[in-house]
Amino acid sequence: MGRNMDEKRLKAFEDMLAAILKQYDDTTEKMAKLKAEGKEKTVTYRQLFANKLQLQEMLSYYRTYGLLENEK
């Protein structure tokens, strides 16, 4: 792989990480709002919870490979 390709790939990984972090933050924010409204038993809350678990798993891979600090 050439240097230009390496830079594009690194940028893609960084963009992906940023998107996952944003989605994680959005999901936890929506869950907190629903919880404050007493809606933890709703299908929406449960789906958000499942999404949050998937996002946490993805972020754990980034941490495992030293691509993300343990800030969350």
PDB file of N, CA and C in Angstrom:
ATOM      1  N   MET A   1       0.831  -1.186   0.000  1.00  0.00           N
ATOM      2  CA  MET A   1       0.000   0.000   0.000  1.00  0.00           C
ATOM      3  C   MET A   1       0.873   1.246   0.000  1.00  0.00           C
ATOM      4  N   GLY A   2       0.482   2.213  -0.783  1.00  0.00           N
ATOM      5  CA  GLY A   2       1.220   3.452  -0.824  1.00  0.00           C
ATOM      6  C   GLY A   2       0.862   4.340   0.348  1.00  0.00           C
ATOM      7  N   ARG A   3       1.665   5.364   0.517  1.00  0.00           N
ATOM      8  CA  ARG A   3       1.457   6.291   1.633  1.00  0.00           C
ATOM      9  C   ARG A   3       0.085   6.964   1.557  1.00  0.00           C
ATOM     10  N   ASN A   4      -0.318   7.360   0.362  1.00  0.00           N
ATOM     11  CA  ASN A   4      -1.607   8.013   0.188  1.00  0.00           C
ATOM     12  C   ASN A   4      -2.749   7.085   0.609  1.00  0.00           C
ATOM     13  N   MET A   5      -2.632   5.813   0.249  1.00  0.00           N
ATOM     14  CA  MET A   5      -3.654   4.833   0.631  1.00  0.00           C
ATOM     15  C   MET A   5      -3.659   4.634   2.144  1.00  0.00           C
ATOM     16  N   ASP A   6      -2.470   4.581   2.754  1.00  0.00           N
ATOM     17  CA  ASP A   6      -2.380   4.449   4.213  1.00  0.00           C
ATOM     18  C   ASP A   6      -3.069   5.621   4.905  1.00  0.00           C
ATOM     19  N   GLU A   7      -2.852   6.829   4.388  1.00  0.00           N
ATOM     20  CA  GLU A   7      -3.469   8.020   4.982  1.00  0.00           C
ATOM     21  C   GLU A   7      -4.983   7.981   4.823  1.00  0.00           C
ATOM     22  N   LYS A   8      -5.475   7.541   3.675  1.00  0.00           N
ATOM     23  CA  LYS A   8      -6.924   7.436   3.457  1.00  0.00           C
ATOM     24  C   LYS A   8      -7.527   6.400   4.400  1.00  0.00           C
ATOM     25  N   ARG A   9      -6.810   5.312   4.572  1.00  0.00           N
ATOM     26  CA  ARG A   9      -7.315   4.250   5.455  1.00  0.00           C
ATOM     27  C   ARG A   9      -7.347   4.727   6.905  1.00  0.00           C
ATOM     28  N   LEU A  10      -6.296   5.393   7.340  1.00  0.00           N
ATOM     29  CA  LEU A  10      -6.262   5.936   8.699  1.00  0.00           C
ATOM     30  C   LEU A  10      -7.411   6.926   8.898  1.00  0.00           C
ATOM     31  N   LYS A  11      -7.644   7.781   7.921  1.00  0.00           N
ATOM     32  CA  LYS A  11      -8.732   8.761   8.011  1.00  0.00           C
ATOM     33  C   LYS A  11     -10.073   8.031   8.116  1.00  0.00           C
ATOM     34  N   ALA A  12     -10.241   6.965   7.346  1.00  0.00           N
ATOM     35  CA  ALA A  12     -11.490   6.197   7.398  1.00  0.00           C
ATOM     36  C   ALA A  12     -11.691   5.576   8.777  1.00  0.00           C
ATOM     37  N   PHE A  13     -10.625   5.025   9.369  1.00  0.00           N
ATOM     38  CA  PHE A  13     -10.725   4.457  10.715  1.00  0.00           C
ATOM     39  C   PHE A  13     -11.082   5.539  11.734  1.00  0.00           C
ATOM     40  N   GLU A  14     -10.453   6.696  11.619  1.00  0.00           N
ATOM     41  CA  GLU A  14     -10.737   7.790  12.547  1.00  0.00           C
ATOM     42  C   GLU A  14     -12.175   8.284  12.390  1.00  0.00           C
ATOM     43  N   ASP A  15     -12.650   8.377  11.144  1.00  0.00           N
ATOM     44  CA  ASP A  15     -14.034   8.786  10.906  1.00  0.00           C
ATOM     45  C   ASP A  15     -15.011   7.769  11.483  1.00  0.00           C
ATOM     46  N   MET A  16     -14.689   6.491  11.324  1.00  0.00           N
ATOM     47  CA  MET A  16     -15.544   5.434  11.857  1.00  0.00           C
ATOM     48  C   MET A  16     -15.611   5.508  13.380  1.00  0.00           C
ATOM     49  N   LEU A  17     -14.471   5.703  14.018  1.00  0.00           N
ATOM     50  CA  LEU A  17     -14.435   5.812  15.474  1.00  0.00           C
ATOM     51  C   LEU A  17     -15.265   7.012  15.931  1.00  0.00           C
ATOM     52  N   ALA A  18     -15.104   8.147  15.270  1.00  0.00           N
ATOM     53  CA  ALA A  18     -15.872   9.340  15.637  1.00  0.00           C
ATOM     54  C   ALA A  18     -17.373   9.082  15.502  1.00  0.00           C
ATOM     55  N   ALA A  19     -17.781   8.384  14.442  1.00  0.00           N
ATOM     56  CA  ALA A  19     -19.196   8.071  14.229  1.00  0.00           C
ATOM     57  C   ALA A  19     -19.721   7.148  15.326  1.00  0.00           C
ATOM     58  N   ILE A  20     -18.922   6.154  15.706  1.00  0.00           N
ATOM     59  CA  ILE A  20     -19.345   5.229  16.769  1.00  0.00           C
ATOM     60  C   ILE A  20     -19.470   5.966  18.098  1.00  0.00           C
ATOM     61  N   LEU A  21     -18.499   6.821  18.408  1.00  0.00           N
ATOM     62  CA  LEU A  21     -18.560   7.587  19.655  1.00  0.00           C
ATOM     63  C   LEU A  21     -19.782   8.504  19.681  1.00  0.00           C
ATOM     64  N   LYS A  22     -20.087   9.141  18.551  1.00  0.00           N
ATOM     65  CA  LYS A  22     -21.259  10.027  18.492  1.00  0.00           C
ATOM     66  C   LYS A  22     -22.537   9.222  18.670  1.00  0.00           C
ATOM     67  N   GLN A  23     -22.618   8.082  18.001  1.00  0.00           N
ATOM     68  CA  GLN A  23     -23.805   7.243  18.114  1.00  0.00           C
ATOM     69  C   GLN A  23     -23.963   6.743  19.554  1.00  0.00           C
ATOM     70  N   TYR A  24     -22.850   6.385  20.193  1.00  0.00           N
ATOM     71  CA  TYR A  24     -22.895   5.937  21.588  1.00  0.00           C
ATOM     72  C   TYR A  24     -23.427   7.055  22.487  1.00  0.00           C
ATOM     73  N   ASP A  25     -22.894   8.267  22.310  1.00  0.00           N
ATOM     74  CA  ASP A  25     -23.350   9.396  23.119  1.00  0.00           C
ATOM     75  C   ASP A  25     -24.823   9.702  22.873  1.00  0.00           C
ATOM     76  N   ASP A  26     -25.243   9.687  21.609  1.00  0.00           N
ATOM     77  CA  ASP A  26     -26.648   9.938  21.278  1.00  0.00           C
ATOM     78  C   ASP A  26     -27.557   8.882  21.910  1.00  0.00           C
ATOM     79  N   THR A  27     -27.119   7.640  21.854  1.00  0.00           N
ATOM     80  CA  THR A  27     -27.908   6.539  22.402  1.00  0.00           C
ATOM     81  C   THR A  27     -28.055   6.666  23.912  1.00  0.00           C
ATOM     82  N   THR A  28     -26.957   6.936  24.610  1.00  0.00           N
ATOM     83  CA  THR A  28     -27.037   7.062  26.069  1.00  0.00           C
ATOM     84  C   THR A  28     -27.880   8.274  26.470  1.00  0.00           C
ATOM     85  N   GLU A  29     -27.812   9.338  25.672  1.00  0.00           N
ATOM     86  CA  GLU A  29     -28.635  10.525  25.945  1.00  0.00           C
ATOM     87  C   GLU A  29     -30.118  10.196  25.791  1.00  0.00           C
ATOM     88  N   LYS A  30     -30.482   9.498  24.724  1.00  0.00           N
ATOM     89  CA  LYS A  30     -31.883   9.110  24.505  1.00  0.00           C
ATOM     90  C   LYS A  30     -32.361   8.178  25.622  1.00  0.00           C
ATOM     91  N   MET A  31     -31.490   7.249  26.036  1.00  0.00           N
ATOM     92  CA  MET A  31     -31.861   6.331  27.117  1.00  0.00           C
ATOM     93  C   MET A  31     -32.105   7.091  28.417  1.00  0.00           C
ATOM     94  N   ALA A  32     -31.250   8.056  28.712  1.00  0.00           N
ATOM     95  CA  ALA A  32     -31.400   8.843  29.939  1.00  0.00           C
ATOM     96  C   ALA A  32     -32.719   9.614  29.925  1.00  0.00           C
ATOM     97  N   LYS A  33     -33.076  10.154  28.752  1.00  0.00           N
ATOM     98  CA  LYS A  33     -34.330  10.894  28.633  1.00  0.00           C
ATOM     99  C   LYS A  33     -35.518   9.966  28.878  1.00  0.00           C
ATOM    100  N   LEU A  34     -35.497   8.799  28.247  1.00  0.00           N
ATOM    101  CA  LEU A  34     -36.592   7.844  28.442  1.00  0.00           C
ATOM    102  C   LEU A  34     -36.670   7.381  29.902  1.00  0.00           C
ATOM    103  N   LYS A  35     -35.518   7.150  30.506  1.00  0.00           N
ATOM    104  CA  LYS A  35     -35.494   6.708  31.907  1.00  0.00           C
ATOM    105  C   LYS A  35     -36.090   7.779  32.812  1.00  0.00           C
ATOM    106  N   ALA A  36     -35.742   9.037  32.548  1.00  0.00           N
ATOM    107  CA  ALA A  36     -36.286  10.143  33.339  1.00  0.00           C
ATOM    108  C   ALA A  36     -37.802  10.233  33.206  1.00  0.00           C
ATOM    109  N   GLU A  37     -38.323   9.769  32.079  1.00  0.00           N
ATOM    110  CA  GLU A  37     -39.769   9.771  31.839  1.00  0.00           C
ATOM    111  C   GLU A  37     -40.425   8.473  32.319  1.00  0.00           C
ATOM    112  N   GLY A  38     -39.637   7.583  32.930  1.00  0.00           N
ATOM    113  CA  GLY A  38     -40.176   6.327  33.433  1.00  0.00           C
ATOM    114  C   GLY A  38     -40.502   5.324  32.339  1.00  0.00           C
ATOM    115  N   LYS A  39     -39.795   5.413  31.221  1.00  0.00           N
ATOM    116  CA  LYS A  39     -40.099   4.557  30.075  1.00  0.00           C
ATOM    117  C   LYS A  39     -39.032   3.484  29.826  1.00  0.00           C
ATOM    118  N   GLU A  40     -38.466   2.935  30.913  1.00  0.00           N
ATOM    119  CA  GLU A  40     -37.443   1.902  30.753  1.00  0.00           C
ATOM    120  C   GLU A  40     -37.987   0.581  30.214  1.00  0.00           C
ATOM    121  N   LYS A  41     -39.270   0.378  30.299  1.00  0.00           N
ATOM    122  CA  LYS A  41     -39.874  -0.892  29.860  1.00  0.00           C
ATOM    123  C   LYS A  41     -40.330  -0.851  28.402  1.00  0.00           C
ATOM    124  N   THR A  42     -40.149   0.278  27.734  1.00  0.00           N
ATOM    125  CA  THR A  42     -40.633   0.406  26.354  1.00  0.00           C
ATOM    126  C   THR A  42     -39.723  -0.336  25.385  1.00  0.00           C
ATOM    127  N   VAL A  43     -40.294  -0.668  24.230  1.00  0.00           N
ATOM    128  CA  VAL A  43     -39.536  -1.330  23.169  1.00  0.00           C
ATOM    129  C   VAL A  43     -38.392  -0.422  22.713  1.00  0.00           C
ATOM    130  N   THR A  44     -38.674   0.867  22.616  1.00  0.00           N
ATOM    131  CA  THR A  44     -37.639   1.816  22.184  1.00  0.00           C
ATOM    132  C   THR A  44     -36.450   1.792  23.130  1.00  0.00           C
ATOM    133  N   TYR A  45     -36.707   1.830  24.424  1.00  0.00           N
ATOM    134  CA  TYR A  45     -35.625   1.804  25.408  1.00  0.00           C
ATOM    135  C   TYR A  45     -34.829   0.504  25.286  1.00  0.00           C
ATOM    136  N   ARG A  46     -35.520  -0.594  25.149  1.00  0.00           N
ATOM    137  CA  ARG A  46     -34.833  -1.892  25.041  1.00  0.00           C
ATOM    138  C   ARG A  46     -33.981  -1.978  23.774  1.00  0.00           C
ATOM    139  N   GLN A  47     -34.475  -1.400  22.680  1.00  0.00           N
ATOM    140  CA  GLN A  47     -33.702  -1.385  21.432  1.00  0.00           C
ATOM    141  C   GLN A  47     -32.457  -0.511  21.597  1.00  0.00           C
ATOM    142  N   LEU A  48     -32.634   0.634  22.243  1.00  0.00           N
ATOM    143  CA  LEU A  48     -31.486   1.511  22.503  1.00  0.00           C
ATOM    144  C   LEU A  48     -30.464   0.794  23.378  1.00  0.00           C
ATOM    145  N   PHE A  49     -30.942   0.053  24.362  1.00  0.00           N
ATOM    146  CA  PHE A  49     -30.050  -0.696  25.245  1.00  0.00           C
ATOM    147  C   PHE A  49     -29.238  -1.723  24.444  1.00  0.00           C
ATOM    148  N   ALA A  50     -29.907  -2.424  23.537  1.00  0.00           N
ATOM    149  CA  ALA A  50     -29.217  -3.406  22.692  1.00  0.00           C
ATOM    150  C   ALA A  50     -28.193  -2.709  21.798  1.00  0.00           C
ATOM    151  N   ASN A  51     -28.566  -1.571  21.230  1.00  0.00           N
ATOM    152  CA  ASN A  51     -27.637  -0.807  20.401  1.00  0.00           C
ATOM    153  C   ASN A  51     -26.431  -0.359  21.207  1.00  0.00           C
ATOM    154  N   LYS A  52     -26.682   0.089  22.437  1.00  0.00           N
ATOM    155  CA  LYS A  52     -25.599   0.543  23.309  1.00  0.00           C
ATOM    156  C   LYS A  52     -24.617  -0.590  23.573  1.00  0.00           C
ATOM    157  N   LEU A  53     -25.124  -1.785  23.809  1.00  0.00           N
ATOM    158  CA  LEU A  53     -24.241  -2.935  24.043  1.00  0.00           C
ATOM    159  C   LEU A  53     -23.378  -3.225  22.815  1.00  0.00           C
ATOM    160  N   GLN A  54     -23.967  -3.139  21.629  1.00  0.00           N
ATOM    161  CA  GLN A  54     -23.204  -3.365  20.396  1.00  0.00           C
ATOM    162  C   GLN A  54     -22.118  -2.308  20.229  1.00  0.00           C
ATOM    163  N   LEU A  55     -22.473  -1.066  20.493  1.00  0.00           N
ATOM    164  CA  LEU A  55     -21.499   0.024  20.366  1.00  0.00           C
ATOM    165  C   LEU A  55     -20.367  -0.138  21.389  1.00  0.00           C
ATOM    166  N   GLN A  56     -20.713  -0.540  22.613  1.00  0.00           N
ATOM    167  CA  GLN A  56     -19.692  -0.777  23.643  1.00  0.00           C
ATOM    168  C   GLN A  56     -18.729  -1.868  23.191  1.00  0.00           C
ATOM    169  N   GLU A  57     -19.252  -2.899  22.563  1.00  0.00           N
ATOM    170  CA  GLU A  57     -18.418  -3.993  22.070  1.00  0.00           C
ATOM    171  C   GLU A  57     -17.453  -3.488  21.004  1.00  0.00           C
ATOM    172  N   MET A  58     -17.961  -2.677  20.091  1.00  0.00           N
ATOM    173  CA  MET A  58     -17.104  -2.113  19.050  1.00  0.00           C
ATOM    174  C   MET A  58     -16.005  -1.239  19.660  1.00  0.00           C
ATOM    175  N   LEU A  59     -16.388  -0.416  20.615  1.00  0.00           N
ATOM    176  CA  LEU A  59     -15.406   0.460  21.262  1.00  0.00           C
ATOM    177  C   LEU A  59     -14.373  -0.348  22.048  1.00  0.00           C
ATOM    178  N   SER A  60     -14.792  -1.486  22.591  1.00  0.00           N
ATOM    179  CA  SER A  60     -13.839  -2.322  23.324  1.00  0.00           C
ATOM    180  C   SER A  60     -12.761  -2.866  22.390  1.00  0.00           C
ATOM    181  N   TYR A  61     -13.109  -3.143  21.142  1.00  0.00           N
ATOM    182  CA  TYR A  61     -12.101  -3.578  20.171  1.00  0.00           C
ATOM    183  C   TYR A  61     -11.093  -2.460  19.907  1.00  0.00           C
ATOM    184  N   TYR A  62     -11.588  -1.238  19.763  1.00  0.00           N
ATOM    185  CA  TYR A  62     -10.672  -0.105  19.576  1.00  0.00           C
ATOM    186  C   TYR A  62      -9.707  -0.004  20.759  1.00  0.00           C
ATOM    187  N   ARG A  63     -10.241  -0.148  21.981  1.00  0.00           N
ATOM    188  CA  ARG A  63      -9.383  -0.084  23.173  1.00  0.00           C
ATOM    189  C   ARG A  63      -8.374  -1.231  23.199  1.00  0.00           C
ATOM    190  N   THR A  64      -8.837  -2.438  22.886  1.00  0.00           N
ATOM    191  CA  THR A  64      -7.974  -3.615  22.898  1.00  0.00           C
ATOM    192  C   THR A  64      -6.760  -3.421  21.994  1.00  0.00           C
ATOM    193  N   TYR A  65      -6.968  -2.782  20.879  1.00  0.00           N
ATOM    194  CA  TYR A  65      -5.886  -2.582  19.914  1.00  0.00           C
ATOM    195  C   TYR A  65      -5.169  -1.248  20.086  1.00  0.00           C
ATOM    196  N   GLY A  66      -5.429  -0.581  21.232  1.00  0.00           N
ATOM    197  CA  GLY A  66      -4.716   0.652  21.547  1.00  0.00           C
ATOM    198  C   GLY A  66      -5.120   1.840  20.704  1.00  0.00           C
ATOM    199  N   LEU A  67      -6.334   1.811  20.154  1.00  0.00           N
ATOM    200  CA  LEU A  67      -6.783   2.889  19.290  1.00  0.00           C
ATOM    201  C   LEU A  67      -7.720   3.858  19.996  1.00  0.00           C
ATOM    202  N   LEU A  68      -7.977   3.603  21.278  1.00  0.00           N
ATOM    203  CA  LEU A  68      -8.877   4.466  22.050  1.00  0.00           C
ATOM    204  C   LEU A  68      -8.465   4.365  23.508  1.00  0.00           C
ATOM    205  N   GLU A  69      -8.351   5.512  24.160  1.00  0.00           N
ATOM    206  CA  GLU A  69      -8.059   5.497  25.591  1.00  0.00           C
ATOM    207  C   GLU A  69      -9.298   5.049  26.348  1.00  0.00           C
ATOM    208  N   ASN A  70      -9.119   4.671  27.597  1.00  0.00           N
ATOM    209  CA  ASN A  70     -10.227   4.185  28.430  1.00  0.00           C
ATOM    210  C   ASN A  70     -10.965   5.334  29.102  1.00  0.00           C
ATOM    211  N   GLU A  71     -11.519   6.252  28.309  1.00  0.00           N
ATOM    212  CA  GLU A  71     -12.206   7.384  28.916  1.00  0.00           C
ATOM    213  C   GLU A  71     -13.662   7.100  29.229  1.00  0.00           C
ATOM    214  N   LYS A  72     -14.213   6.014  28.668  1.00  0.00           N
ATOM    215  CA  LYS A  72     -15.638   5.712  28.925  1.00  0.00           C
ATOM    216  C   LYS A  72     -15.772   4.361  29.571  1.00  0.00           C
TER     217      LYS A  72
END
